[in-house]
Amino acid sequence: MDQDEQQEPQKRTVYAPQSNDAQQTPAVISVELAEDEDVQWQWTHYTDGRSAVTGYTIVKRQQG
């Protein structure tokens, strides 16, 4: 197979959930994932009741 015939793996963009504070700048906006990947969002819950996505982990999908 030639290099020209090789296809790049498809990527998809997944956007982070919105925080409950519209004025807070998000720490994570989106991530790009391969077809066999998912994202687990990491939330921080503040004492004043606000919650925000502050990180993420990319995990391979389980097959089977």
C-alpha atoms as a PDB file:
ATOM      1  CA  MET A   1       0.000   0.000   0.000  1.00  0.00           C
ATOM      2  CA  ASP A   2       1.356   3.419  -0.966  1.00  0.00           C
ATOM      3  CA  GLN A   3       1.555   6.258   1.513  1.00  0.00           C
ATOM      4  CA  ASP A   4      -0.975   8.085  -0.680  1.00  0.00           C
ATOM      5  CA  GLU A   5      -3.444   5.233  -0.186  1.00  0.00           C
ATOM      6  CA  GLN A   6      -3.198   5.231   3.611  1.00  0.00           C
ATOM      7  CA  GLN A   7      -6.044   7.050   5.263  1.00  0.00           C
ATOM      8  CA  GLU A   8      -5.691   9.098   8.406  1.00  0.00           C
ATOM      9  CA  PRO A   9      -7.845   7.832  11.278  1.00  0.00           C
ATOM     10  CA  GLN A  10     -11.097   9.749  11.595  1.00  0.00           C
ATOM     11  CA  LYS A  11     -11.227  12.194  14.501  1.00  0.00           C
ATOM     12  CA  ARG A  12     -14.314  13.674  16.091  1.00  0.00           C
ATOM     13  CA  THR A  13     -14.669  16.715  18.287  1.00  0.00           C
ATOM     14  CA  VAL A  14     -16.572  16.378  21.564  1.00  0.00           C
ATOM     15  CA  TYR A  15     -17.452  19.585  23.414  1.00  0.00           C
ATOM     16  CA  ALA A  16     -17.276  19.809  27.187  1.00  0.00           C
ATOM     17  CA  PRO A  17     -20.530  20.205  29.115  1.00  0.00           C
ATOM     18  CA  GLN A  18     -21.364  23.773  30.134  1.00  0.00           C
ATOM     19  CA  SER A  19     -20.763  24.820  33.714  1.00  0.00           C
ATOM     20  CA  ASN A  20     -23.664  26.237  35.695  1.00  0.00           C
ATOM     21  CA  ASP A  21     -21.880  29.625  35.797  1.00  0.00           C
ATOM     22  CA  ALA A  22     -22.046  31.256  32.368  1.00  0.00           C
ATOM     23  CA  GLN A  23     -19.538  33.954  33.384  1.00  0.00           C
ATOM     24  CA  GLN A  24     -16.793  31.477  34.300  1.00  0.00           C
ATOM     25  CA  THR A  25     -14.267  30.810  31.525  1.00  0.00           C
ATOM     26  CA  PRO A  26     -14.153  27.054  30.912  1.00  0.00           C
ATOM     27  CA  ALA A  27     -10.900  25.204  31.585  1.00  0.00           C
ATOM     28  CA  VAL A  28     -11.693  22.740  28.776  1.00  0.00           C
ATOM     29  CA  ILE A  29     -13.660  23.608  25.640  1.00  0.00           C
ATOM     30  CA  SER A  30     -13.405  20.428  23.579  1.00  0.00           C
ATOM     31  CA  VAL A  31     -11.280  17.360  22.837  1.00  0.00           C
ATOM     32  CA  GLU A  32     -10.567  15.441  19.631  1.00  0.00           C
ATOM     33  CA  LEU A  33     -11.151  11.720  19.837  1.00  0.00           C
ATOM     34  CA  ALA A  34     -10.404   8.779  17.570  1.00  0.00           C
ATOM     35  CA  GLU A  35     -13.260   6.479  16.572  1.00  0.00           C
ATOM     36  CA  ASP A  36     -12.363   4.019  19.343  1.00  0.00           C
ATOM     37  CA  GLU A  37     -12.088   6.590  22.143  1.00  0.00           C
ATOM     38  CA  ASP A  38     -14.462   8.213  24.623  1.00  0.00           C
ATOM     39  CA  VAL A  39     -13.983  11.027  27.114  1.00  0.00           C
ATOM     40  CA  GLN A  40     -14.670  11.105  30.845  1.00  0.00           C
ATOM     41  CA  TRP A  41     -15.147  14.661  32.085  1.00  0.00           C
ATOM     42  CA  GLN A  42     -13.683  15.652  35.454  1.00  0.00           C
ATOM     43  CA  TRP A  43     -15.868  18.039  37.422  1.00  0.00           C
ATOM     44  CA  THR A  44     -14.966  20.359  40.274  1.00  0.00           C
ATOM     45  CA  HIS A  45     -17.783  21.220  42.684  1.00  0.00           C
ATOM     46  CA  TYR A  46     -17.234  24.444  44.617  1.00  0.00           C
ATOM     47  CA  THR A  47     -18.536  25.277  48.095  1.00  0.00           C
ATOM     48  CA  ASP A  48     -20.745  28.058  46.694  1.00  0.00           C
ATOM     49  CA  GLY A  49     -22.683  25.503  44.625  1.00  0.00           C
ATOM     50  CA  ARG A  50     -20.973  26.089  41.275  1.00  0.00           C
ATOM     51  CA  SER A  51     -19.708  23.145  39.224  1.00  0.00           C
ATOM     52  CA  ALA A  52     -17.331  23.189  36.271  1.00  0.00           C
ATOM     53  CA  VAL A  53     -15.424  20.796  34.034  1.00  0.00           C
ATOM     54  CA  THR A  54     -11.774  21.191  34.970  1.00  0.00           C
ATOM     55  CA  GLY A  55     -10.213  18.240  33.178  1.00  0.00           C
ATOM     56  CA  TYR A  56     -10.764  15.075  31.223  1.00  0.00           C
ATOM     57  CA  THR A  57      -9.465  11.561  30.604  1.00  0.00           C
ATOM     58  CA  ILE A  58      -9.488   9.907  27.180  1.00  0.00           C
ATOM     59  CA  VAL A  59     -10.290   6.200  27.407  1.00  0.00           C
ATOM     60  CA  LYS A  60     -10.292   3.444  24.788  1.00  0.00           C
ATOM     61  CA  ARG A  61     -13.681   1.871  24.184  1.00  0.00           C
ATOM     62  CA  GLN A  62     -14.176  -1.645  25.475  1.00  0.00           C
ATOM     63  CA  GLN A  63     -14.617  -4.134  22.645  1.00  0.00           C
ATOM     64  CA  GLY A  64     -16.965  -7.038  22.874  1.00  0.00           C
END
